[in-house]
Amino acid sequence: MLVIGAGPTGLCTLQCVLLKEPKQVIVCEKDPQRRSFVQEHYPQVLTVEPEQAADFVRAHSAHGGADRVLEVAGSEDTFTLAWTCARPNAIVTVVALYDAPQVLPLPDMYGKNLTFQTGGVDGCRCGEILSLIAQGKLDTTPLISHTYPLKDIAAAYDLFEHRRDHVIKVAIAP
């Protein structure tokens, strides 16, 4: 299993993946601080930079690539990386939201027989997610790196938007 992206959505995705107890999970992330966060909080997960991802995934996968790829980062490069790192007959799930349409280079994909799935946040399962949090099976508290009072919400948005001070997620206190 390969998760591309270790931002807030990628980290939540990772927690959900770990609930299924896959044999091997690799997180691909360009930001060294985010890779360190994954290594600190999820020591059973391997991490890799995008430039080394294809070779790393092949070396740590039984079938020449990832069985499943979750693309959570949302850039043209990460979309290409997702299908490139997938083994033949794998499933590539695109969770990310892109700024522009992505192109499927079908001649380059020939023989991979990939299945693509798409989807963002599924509000239909909030009850299940809250139950998993209540049971302690999901813990989102490490993702909250900053807390701001409601009166400073503009500063909180600015911090998050510009990714300063190693921000992951900002909580707003009423």
N, C-alpha and C. Protein backbone atom coordinates (compact mmCIF):
# COMPACT_ATOMS: atom_id res chain seq x y z
N MET A 1 0.85 -1.17 0.00
CA MET A 1 0.00 0.00 0.00
C MET A 1 0.89 1.23 0.00
N LEU A 2 0.59 2.15 -0.90
CA LEU A 2 1.33 3.40 -0.99
C LEU A 2 0.36 4.56 -0.80
N VAL A 3 0.71 5.46 0.12
CA VAL A 3 -0.05 6.70 0.32
C VAL A 3 0.87 7.83 -0.14
N ILE A 4 0.39 8.60 -1.11
CA ILE A 4 1.17 9.73 -1.61
C ILE A 4 0.62 11.00 -1.00
N GLY A 5 1.42 11.61 -0.12
CA GLY A 5 1.03 12.84 0.54
C GLY A 5 0.84 12.63 2.03
N ALA A 6 1.52 13.44 2.84
CA ALA A 6 1.39 13.34 4.30
C ALA A 6 0.97 14.68 4.89
N GLY A 7 0.10 15.38 4.18
CA GLY A 7 -0.54 16.56 4.74
C GLY A 7 -1.67 16.09 5.65
N PRO A 8 -2.52 16.99 6.11
CA PRO A 8 -3.60 16.60 7.01
C PRO A 8 -4.50 15.50 6.45
N THR A 9 -4.88 15.61 5.19
CA THR A 9 -5.75 14.58 4.60
C THR A 9 -4.99 13.27 4.42
N GLY A 10 -3.73 13.36 4.02
CA GLY A 10 -2.92 12.16 3.87
C GLY A 10 -2.71 11.43 5.20
N LEU A 11 -2.52 12.19 6.27
CA LEU A 11 -2.33 11.57 7.58
C LEU A 11 -3.62 10.93 8.08
N CYS A 12 -4.74 11.55 7.82
CA CYS A 12 -6.03 10.92 8.18
C CYS A 12 -6.25 9.67 7.34
N THR A 13 -5.91 9.74 6.06
CA THR A 13 -6.00 8.58 5.19
C THR A 13 -5.11 7.46 5.71
N LEU A 14 -3.90 7.81 6.10
CA LEU A 14 -2.97 6.82 6.65
C LEU A 14 -3.56 6.13 7.87
N GLN A 15 -4.15 6.89 8.78
CA GLN A 15 -4.76 6.28 9.97
C GLN A 15 -5.84 5.29 9.59
N CYS A 16 -6.65 5.63 8.61
CA CYS A 16 -7.71 4.72 8.17
C CYS A 16 -7.13 3.48 7.50
N VAL A 17 -6.07 3.64 6.72
CA VAL A 17 -5.39 2.51 6.09
C VAL A 17 -4.88 1.56 7.17
N LEU A 18 -4.27 2.09 8.21
CA LEU A 18 -3.69 1.25 9.26
C LEU A 18 -4.74 0.44 10.01
N LEU A 19 -5.98 0.92 10.02
CA LEU A 19 -7.07 0.14 10.64
C LEU A 19 -7.26 -1.21 9.95
N LYS A 20 -6.94 -1.26 8.67
CA LYS A 20 -7.11 -2.50 7.89
C LYS A 20 -5.92 -3.44 8.02
N GLU A 21 -4.89 -3.03 8.76
CA GLU A 21 -3.70 -3.83 9.03
C GLU A 21 -3.06 -4.42 7.77
N PRO A 22 -2.72 -3.56 6.81
CA PRO A 22 -2.04 -4.08 5.61
C PRO A 22 -0.64 -4.58 5.95
N LYS A 23 -0.14 -5.45 5.10
CA LYS A 23 1.18 -6.04 5.32
C LYS A 23 2.27 -4.97 5.33
N GLN A 24 2.21 -4.03 4.41
CA GLN A 24 3.24 -3.00 4.29
C GLN A 24 2.59 -1.69 3.85
N VAL A 25 2.99 -0.59 4.49
CA VAL A 25 2.52 0.73 4.09
C VAL A 25 3.73 1.62 3.88
N ILE A 26 3.70 2.33 2.76
CA ILE A 26 4.74 3.29 2.44
C ILE A 26 4.06 4.64 2.25
N VAL A 27 4.63 5.68 2.84
CA VAL A 27 4.15 7.04 2.63
C VAL A 27 5.21 7.79 1.83
N CYS A 28 4.78 8.39 0.74
CA CYS A 28 5.64 9.22 -0.09
C CYS A 28 5.31 10.68 0.19
N GLU A 29 6.32 11.43 0.59
CA GLU A 29 6.11 12.85 0.95
C GLU A 29 7.39 13.61 0.68
N LYS A 30 7.26 14.79 0.04
CA LYS A 30 8.45 15.59 -0.28
C LYS A 30 8.97 16.38 0.90
N ASP A 31 8.11 16.76 1.83
CA ASP A 31 8.50 17.60 2.96
C ASP A 31 9.19 16.76 4.05
N PRO A 32 10.44 17.06 4.38
CA PRO A 32 11.14 16.26 5.40
C PRO A 32 10.50 16.32 6.78
N GLN A 33 9.89 17.46 7.13
CA GLN A 33 9.21 17.56 8.43
C GLN A 33 8.02 16.62 8.50
N ARG A 34 7.29 16.52 7.41
CA ARG A 34 6.14 15.61 7.38
C ARG A 34 6.58 14.15 7.39
N ARG A 35 7.66 13.85 6.68
CA ARG A 35 8.19 12.48 6.74
C ARG A 35 8.62 12.13 8.16
N SER A 36 9.25 13.08 8.85
CA SER A 36 9.65 12.86 10.25
C SER A 36 8.44 12.64 11.14
N PHE A 37 7.37 13.40 10.90
CA PHE A 37 6.14 13.22 11.66
C PHE A 37 5.61 11.80 11.50
N VAL A 38 5.59 11.31 10.27
CA VAL A 38 5.12 9.95 10.01
C VAL A 38 6.01 8.95 10.73
N GLN A 39 7.32 9.10 10.64
CA GLN A 39 8.25 8.17 11.28
C GLN A 39 8.09 8.17 12.80
N GLU A 40 7.83 9.35 13.37
CA GLU A 40 7.67 9.45 14.82
C GLU A 40 6.36 8.83 15.30
N HIS A 41 5.26 9.10 14.61
CA HIS A 41 3.94 8.66 15.07
C HIS A 41 3.50 7.30 14.54
N TYR A 42 4.09 6.86 13.44
CA TYR A 42 3.70 5.59 12.82
C TYR A 42 4.97 4.83 12.44
N PRO A 43 5.73 4.36 13.43
CA PRO A 43 7.03 3.76 13.14
C PRO A 43 6.98 2.51 12.26
N GLN A 44 5.83 1.89 12.13
CA GLN A 44 5.70 0.71 11.29
C GLN A 44 5.58 1.06 9.80
N VAL A 45 5.46 2.35 9.50
CA VAL A 45 5.27 2.82 8.13
C VAL A 45 6.62 3.27 7.57
N LEU A 46 6.90 2.86 6.35
CA LEU A 46 8.10 3.32 5.65
C LEU A 46 7.82 4.65 4.98
N THR A 47 8.84 5.50 4.86
CA THR A 47 8.67 6.78 4.19
C THR A 47 9.71 6.92 3.09
N VAL A 48 9.34 7.71 2.08
CA VAL A 48 10.24 7.92 0.95
C VAL A 48 9.92 9.27 0.30
N GLU A 49 10.95 9.86 -0.30
CA GLU A 49 10.79 11.09 -1.07
C GLU A 49 10.28 10.73 -2.46
N PRO A 50 9.59 11.64 -3.14
CA PRO A 50 9.06 11.34 -4.48
C PRO A 50 10.12 10.90 -5.48
N GLU A 51 11.31 11.49 -5.42
CA GLU A 51 12.35 11.16 -6.39
C GLU A 51 12.80 9.70 -6.30
N GLN A 52 12.72 9.11 -5.13
CA GLN A 52 13.14 7.72 -4.94
C GLN A 52 11.95 6.75 -4.88
N ALA A 53 10.74 7.25 -4.98
CA ALA A 53 9.55 6.45 -4.70
C ALA A 53 9.41 5.23 -5.60
N ALA A 54 9.54 5.38 -6.90
CA ALA A 54 9.30 4.25 -7.80
C ALA A 54 10.22 3.07 -7.48
N ASP A 55 11.50 3.33 -7.36
CA ASP A 55 12.45 2.25 -7.04
C ASP A 55 12.20 1.69 -5.65
N PHE A 56 11.93 2.57 -4.68
CA PHE A 56 11.69 2.15 -3.30
C PHE A 56 10.46 1.25 -3.21
N VAL A 57 9.39 1.67 -3.87
CA VAL A 57 8.15 0.87 -3.83
C VAL A 57 8.37 -0.49 -4.47
N ARG A 58 9.06 -0.53 -5.61
CA ARG A 58 9.34 -1.82 -6.25
C ARG A 58 10.17 -2.72 -5.32
N ALA A 59 11.15 -2.13 -4.63
CA ALA A 59 12.03 -2.90 -3.75
C ALA A 59 11.29 -3.42 -2.51
N HIS A 60 10.22 -2.75 -2.10
CA HIS A 60 9.51 -3.13 -0.89
C HIS A 60 8.12 -3.71 -1.18
N SER A 61 7.91 -4.16 -2.39
CA SER A 61 6.62 -4.74 -2.78
C SER A 61 6.84 -6.12 -3.38
N ALA A 62 5.90 -7.00 -3.14
CA ALA A 62 6.04 -8.38 -3.61
C ALA A 62 5.81 -8.54 -5.11
N HIS A 63 5.09 -7.61 -5.74
CA HIS A 63 4.69 -7.80 -7.13
C HIS A 63 5.18 -6.70 -8.06
N GLY A 64 6.29 -6.07 -7.73
CA GLY A 64 6.85 -5.06 -8.62
C GLY A 64 6.20 -3.70 -8.53
N GLY A 65 5.46 -3.47 -7.51
CA GLY A 65 4.80 -2.18 -7.30
C GLY A 65 3.74 -2.32 -6.24
N ALA A 66 3.11 -1.21 -5.92
CA ALA A 66 2.08 -1.21 -4.87
C ALA A 66 0.79 -1.86 -5.36
N ASP A 67 0.18 -2.66 -4.49
CA ASP A 67 -1.12 -3.26 -4.80
C ASP A 67 -2.21 -2.20 -4.85
N ARG A 68 -2.10 -1.23 -3.95
CA ARG A 68 -3.04 -0.12 -3.89
C ARG A 68 -2.26 1.16 -3.70
N VAL A 69 -2.71 2.20 -4.38
CA VAL A 69 -2.09 3.51 -4.24
C VAL A 69 -3.20 4.50 -3.92
N LEU A 70 -2.98 5.29 -2.88
CA LEU A 70 -3.91 6.37 -2.51
C LEU A 70 -3.19 7.67 -2.77
N GLU A 71 -3.67 8.43 -3.75
CA GLU A 71 -3.04 9.68 -4.13
C GLU A 71 -3.77 10.81 -3.42
N VAL A 72 -3.11 11.40 -2.44
CA VAL A 72 -3.75 12.39 -1.58
C VAL A 72 -3.08 13.76 -1.71
N ALA A 73 -2.00 13.86 -2.47
CA ALA A 73 -1.23 15.11 -2.54
C ALA A 73 -1.82 16.13 -3.52
N GLY A 74 -2.21 15.68 -4.70
CA GLY A 74 -2.94 16.56 -5.60
C GLY A 74 -2.15 17.40 -6.58
N SER A 75 -1.04 16.90 -7.09
CA SER A 75 -0.33 17.64 -8.13
C SER A 75 -0.19 16.75 -9.37
N GLU A 76 0.15 17.36 -10.48
CA GLU A 76 0.34 16.57 -11.70
C GLU A 76 1.42 15.52 -11.50
N ASP A 77 2.48 15.90 -10.82
CA ASP A 77 3.57 14.96 -10.57
C ASP A 77 3.13 13.79 -9.69
N THR A 78 2.30 14.06 -8.69
CA THR A 78 1.88 12.97 -7.80
C THR A 78 0.86 12.08 -8.48
N PHE A 79 0.07 12.61 -9.40
CA PHE A 79 -0.85 11.77 -10.16
C PHE A 79 -0.05 10.78 -11.01
N THR A 80 0.96 11.29 -11.69
CA THR A 80 1.81 10.42 -12.50
C THR A 80 2.53 9.41 -11.62
N LEU A 81 3.03 9.85 -10.49
CA LEU A 81 3.72 8.96 -9.56
C LEU A 81 2.79 7.84 -9.09
N ALA A 82 1.54 8.14 -8.88
CA ALA A 82 0.59 7.15 -8.39
C ALA A 82 0.47 5.97 -9.35
N TRP A 83 0.20 6.23 -10.61
CA TRP A 83 0.02 5.10 -11.53
C TRP A 83 1.35 4.46 -11.89
N THR A 84 2.45 5.22 -11.82
CA THR A 84 3.77 4.66 -12.10
C THR A 84 4.18 3.66 -11.02
N CYS A 85 3.86 3.97 -9.76
CA CYS A 85 4.25 3.09 -8.64
C CYS A 85 3.32 1.90 -8.47
N ALA A 86 2.20 1.91 -9.13
CA ALA A 86 1.24 0.81 -9.01
C ALA A 86 1.73 -0.40 -9.80
N ARG A 87 1.54 -1.55 -9.24
CA ARG A 87 1.87 -2.78 -9.95
C ARG A 87 0.79 -3.04 -11.00
N PRO A 88 1.04 -3.95 -11.95
CA PRO A 88 -0.03 -4.32 -12.87
C PRO A 88 -1.25 -4.85 -12.11
N ASN A 89 -2.42 -4.47 -12.56
CA ASN A 89 -3.71 -4.86 -11.98
C ASN A 89 -3.97 -4.25 -10.60
N ALA A 90 -3.28 -3.20 -10.27
CA ALA A 90 -3.47 -2.52 -8.99
C ALA A 90 -4.67 -1.59 -9.04
N ILE A 91 -5.02 -1.07 -7.88
CA ILE A 91 -6.08 -0.08 -7.74
C ILE A 91 -5.44 1.23 -7.31
N VAL A 92 -5.72 2.29 -8.06
CA VAL A 92 -5.23 3.63 -7.75
C VAL A 92 -6.44 4.46 -7.36
N THR A 93 -6.44 4.94 -6.13
CA THR A 93 -7.55 5.77 -5.65
C THR A 93 -7.07 7.21 -5.53
N VAL A 94 -7.77 8.09 -6.21
CA VAL A 94 -7.44 9.51 -6.20
C VAL A 94 -8.35 10.20 -5.20
N VAL A 95 -7.78 10.60 -4.08
CA VAL A 95 -8.50 11.33 -3.04
C VAL A 95 -8.29 12.83 -3.24
N ALA A 96 -7.15 13.18 -3.80
CA ALA A 96 -6.75 14.58 -3.96
C ALA A 96 -7.68 15.35 -4.88
N LEU A 97 -7.68 16.64 -4.67
CA LEU A 97 -8.40 17.57 -5.53
C LEU A 97 -7.36 18.31 -6.35
N TYR A 98 -7.49 18.28 -7.67
CA TYR A 98 -6.52 18.89 -8.56
C TYR A 98 -6.98 20.26 -9.02
N ASP A 99 -6.00 21.12 -9.31
CA ASP A 99 -6.30 22.45 -9.86
C ASP A 99 -6.61 22.39 -11.34
N ALA A 100 -6.16 21.35 -12.02
CA ALA A 100 -6.36 21.23 -13.47
C ALA A 100 -6.68 19.77 -13.80
N PRO A 101 -7.29 19.53 -14.96
CA PRO A 101 -7.57 18.15 -15.37
C PRO A 101 -6.28 17.35 -15.52
N GLN A 102 -6.35 16.08 -15.20
CA GLN A 102 -5.21 15.18 -15.37
C GLN A 102 -5.42 14.34 -16.63
N VAL A 103 -4.34 13.96 -17.27
CA VAL A 103 -4.40 13.20 -18.51
C VAL A 103 -3.93 11.78 -18.23
N LEU A 104 -4.66 10.82 -18.77
CA LEU A 104 -4.23 9.43 -18.68
C LEU A 104 -3.39 9.12 -19.92
N PRO A 105 -2.08 8.97 -19.77
CA PRO A 105 -1.24 8.66 -20.92
C PRO A 105 -1.34 7.16 -21.25
N LEU A 106 -2.41 6.80 -21.89
CA LEU A 106 -2.73 5.39 -22.10
C LEU A 106 -1.62 4.58 -22.75
N PRO A 107 -0.88 5.10 -23.75
CA PRO A 107 0.21 4.28 -24.29
C PRO A 107 1.26 3.92 -23.23
N ASP A 108 1.54 4.84 -22.31
CA ASP A 108 2.52 4.57 -21.25
C ASP A 108 1.97 3.60 -20.21
N MET A 109 0.66 3.55 -20.09
CA MET A 109 0.02 2.68 -19.10
C MET A 109 -0.27 1.29 -19.65
N TYR A 110 -0.05 1.12 -20.94
CA TYR A 110 -0.43 -0.13 -21.59
C TYR A 110 0.12 -1.34 -20.82
N GLY A 111 -0.72 -2.29 -20.57
CA GLY A 111 -0.32 -3.51 -19.89
C GLY A 111 -0.44 -3.45 -18.38
N LYS A 112 -0.68 -2.29 -17.82
CA LYS A 112 -0.80 -2.20 -16.36
C LYS A 112 -2.18 -2.62 -15.88
N ASN A 113 -3.20 -2.46 -16.71
CA ASN A 113 -4.57 -2.88 -16.36
C ASN A 113 -5.01 -2.32 -15.01
N LEU A 114 -4.81 -1.04 -14.84
CA LEU A 114 -5.13 -0.39 -13.56
C LEU A 114 -6.61 -0.10 -13.43
N THR A 115 -7.07 -0.11 -12.20
CA THR A 115 -8.41 0.34 -11.88
C THR A 115 -8.28 1.66 -11.13
N PHE A 116 -8.96 2.69 -11.62
CA PHE A 116 -8.93 4.00 -10.96
C PHE A 116 -10.23 4.22 -10.22
N GLN A 117 -10.09 4.75 -9.01
CA GLN A 117 -11.24 5.17 -8.21
C GLN A 117 -11.02 6.62 -7.82
N THR A 118 -12.11 7.35 -7.67
CA THR A 118 -11.99 8.74 -7.22
C THR A 118 -12.93 8.96 -6.06
N GLY A 119 -12.66 9.99 -5.32
CA GLY A 119 -13.56 10.34 -4.23
C GLY A 119 -12.87 11.23 -3.24
N GLY A 120 -13.63 12.10 -2.67
CA GLY A 120 -13.11 12.98 -1.64
C GLY A 120 -13.68 12.57 -0.30
N VAL A 121 -13.99 13.54 0.49
CA VAL A 121 -14.54 13.29 1.83
C VAL A 121 -15.94 12.72 1.68
N ASP A 122 -16.18 11.61 2.35
CA ASP A 122 -17.49 10.95 2.31
C ASP A 122 -18.21 11.25 3.62
N GLY A 123 -19.09 12.23 3.58
CA GLY A 123 -19.82 12.63 4.78
C GLY A 123 -20.81 11.60 5.27
N CYS A 124 -21.03 10.55 4.49
CA CYS A 124 -22.00 9.52 4.88
C CYS A 124 -21.49 8.61 5.98
N ARG A 125 -20.20 8.65 6.27
CA ARG A 125 -19.63 7.73 7.26
C ARG A 125 -19.14 8.45 8.51
N CYS A 126 -19.65 9.64 8.75
CA CYS A 126 -19.21 10.42 9.92
C CYS A 126 -19.49 9.67 11.23
N GLY A 127 -20.62 9.00 11.32
CA GLY A 127 -20.95 8.24 12.52
C GLY A 127 -19.92 7.17 12.81
N GLU A 128 -19.51 6.45 11.78
CA GLU A 128 -18.50 5.40 11.94
C GLU A 128 -17.16 6.01 12.35
N ILE A 129 -16.79 7.12 11.74
CA ILE A 129 -15.52 7.78 12.08
C ILE A 129 -15.53 8.27 13.52
N LEU A 130 -16.62 8.90 13.94
CA LEU A 130 -16.72 9.37 15.33
C LEU A 130 -16.68 8.20 16.31
N SER A 131 -17.28 7.09 15.94
CA SER A 131 -17.23 5.90 16.79
C SER A 131 -15.80 5.38 16.91
N LEU A 132 -15.05 5.36 15.80
CA LEU A 132 -13.66 4.91 15.85
C LEU A 132 -12.80 5.85 16.70
N ILE A 133 -13.09 7.14 16.65
CA ILE A 133 -12.38 8.10 17.51
C ILE A 133 -12.73 7.84 18.98
N ALA A 134 -14.02 7.64 19.27
CA ALA A 134 -14.46 7.39 20.64
C ALA A 134 -13.84 6.11 21.20
N GLN A 135 -13.64 5.11 20.34
CA GLN A 135 -13.05 3.84 20.76
C GLN A 135 -11.52 3.92 20.87
N GLY A 136 -10.94 5.04 20.45
CA GLY A 136 -9.49 5.19 20.50
C GLY A 136 -8.78 4.53 19.33
N LYS A 137 -9.52 4.11 18.31
CA LYS A 137 -8.90 3.46 17.15
C LYS A 137 -8.36 4.48 16.15
N LEU A 138 -8.90 5.67 16.17
CA LEU A 138 -8.37 6.80 15.40
C LEU A 138 -8.04 7.91 16.39
N ASP A 139 -6.86 8.47 16.25
CA ASP A 139 -6.45 9.57 17.14
C ASP A 139 -5.94 10.72 16.30
N THR A 140 -6.75 11.73 16.17
CA THR A 140 -6.38 12.88 15.34
C THR A 140 -5.68 13.98 16.15
N THR A 141 -5.54 13.81 17.44
CA THR A 141 -4.93 14.87 18.25
C THR A 141 -3.50 15.21 17.85
N PRO A 142 -2.66 14.23 17.42
CA PRO A 142 -1.30 14.63 17.00
C PRO A 142 -1.29 15.52 15.75
N LEU A 143 -2.37 15.51 15.00
CA LEU A 143 -2.44 16.31 13.78
C LEU A 143 -2.66 17.79 14.07
N ILE A 144 -3.15 18.10 15.26
CA ILE A 144 -3.40 19.50 15.62
C ILE A 144 -2.10 20.09 16.14
N SER A 145 -1.48 20.86 15.27
CA SER A 145 -0.17 21.43 15.60
C SER A 145 -0.28 22.82 16.21
N HIS A 146 -1.41 23.50 15.99
CA HIS A 146 -1.59 24.87 16.48
C HIS A 146 -3.04 25.06 16.91
N THR A 147 -3.23 25.89 17.94
CA THR A 147 -4.57 26.26 18.39
C THR A 147 -4.64 27.77 18.48
N TYR A 148 -5.72 28.32 17.93
CA TYR A 148 -5.94 29.76 17.93
C TYR A 148 -7.31 30.05 18.51
N PRO A 149 -7.45 31.19 19.20
CA PRO A 149 -8.80 31.60 19.61
C PRO A 149 -9.57 32.07 18.37
N LEU A 150 -10.88 31.99 18.46
CA LEU A 150 -11.75 32.36 17.34
C LEU A 150 -11.47 33.78 16.85
N LYS A 151 -11.13 34.67 17.76
CA LYS A 151 -10.88 36.06 17.37
C LYS A 151 -9.66 36.20 16.45
N ASP A 152 -8.78 35.19 16.43
CA ASP A 152 -7.58 35.22 15.59
C ASP A 152 -7.67 34.25 14.41
N ILE A 153 -8.88 33.97 13.97
CA ILE A 153 -9.06 32.98 12.91
C ILE A 153 -8.38 33.39 11.60
N ALA A 154 -8.32 34.68 11.32
CA ALA A 154 -7.65 35.13 10.10
C ALA A 154 -6.17 34.77 10.14
N ALA A 155 -5.54 34.93 11.28
CA ALA A 155 -4.12 34.55 11.43
C ALA A 155 -3.95 33.04 11.31
N ALA A 156 -4.91 32.29 11.83
CA ALA A 156 -4.86 30.83 11.74
C ALA A 156 -4.94 30.38 10.28
N TYR A 157 -5.85 30.97 9.53
CA TYR A 157 -5.96 30.65 8.11
C TYR A 157 -4.69 31.02 7.36
N ASP A 158 -4.11 32.15 7.69
CA ASP A 158 -2.89 32.61 7.04
C ASP A 158 -1.75 31.63 7.31
N LEU A 159 -1.61 31.21 8.55
CA LEU A 159 -0.58 30.24 8.93
C LEU A 159 -0.74 28.95 8.13
N PHE A 160 -1.97 28.44 8.08
CA PHE A 160 -2.23 27.17 7.40
C PHE A 160 -2.02 27.30 5.90
N GLU A 161 -2.54 28.36 5.32
CA GLU A 161 -2.44 28.55 3.87
C GLU A 161 -1.00 28.66 3.40
N HIS A 162 -0.16 29.29 4.21
CA HIS A 162 1.24 29.48 3.82
C HIS A 162 2.18 28.44 4.42
N ARG A 163 1.61 27.46 5.12
CA ARG A 163 2.36 26.32 5.66
C ARG A 163 3.58 26.75 6.46
N ARG A 164 3.38 27.70 7.35
CA ARG A 164 4.48 28.17 8.19
C ARG A 164 4.53 27.38 9.50
N ASP A 165 5.67 27.43 10.15
CA ASP A 165 5.86 26.90 11.49
C ASP A 165 5.45 25.41 11.59
N HIS A 166 5.74 24.64 10.54
CA HIS A 166 5.46 23.20 10.52
C HIS A 166 4.00 22.88 10.84
N VAL A 167 3.11 23.72 10.37
CA VAL A 167 1.68 23.51 10.63
C VAL A 167 1.19 22.23 9.96
N ILE A 168 0.36 21.51 10.68
CA ILE A 168 -0.36 20.37 10.08
C ILE A 168 -1.84 20.72 10.04
N LYS A 169 -2.41 20.93 11.22
CA LYS A 169 -3.83 21.30 11.31
C LYS A 169 -3.99 22.31 12.43
N VAL A 170 -4.89 23.25 12.23
CA VAL A 170 -5.13 24.30 13.21
C VAL A 170 -6.49 24.07 13.85
N ALA A 171 -6.54 24.10 15.16
CA ALA A 171 -7.81 24.04 15.89
C ALA A 171 -8.19 25.45 16.29
N ILE A 172 -9.48 25.74 16.24
CA ILE A 172 -9.99 27.04 16.64
C ILE A 172 -10.80 26.87 17.92
N ALA A 173 -10.39 27.60 18.94
CA ALA A 173 -11.07 27.52 20.23
C ALA A 173 -12.10 28.66 20.31
N PRO A 174 -13.35 28.34 20.63
CA PRO A 174 -14.37 29.38 20.72
C PRO A 174 -14.13 30.33 21.89
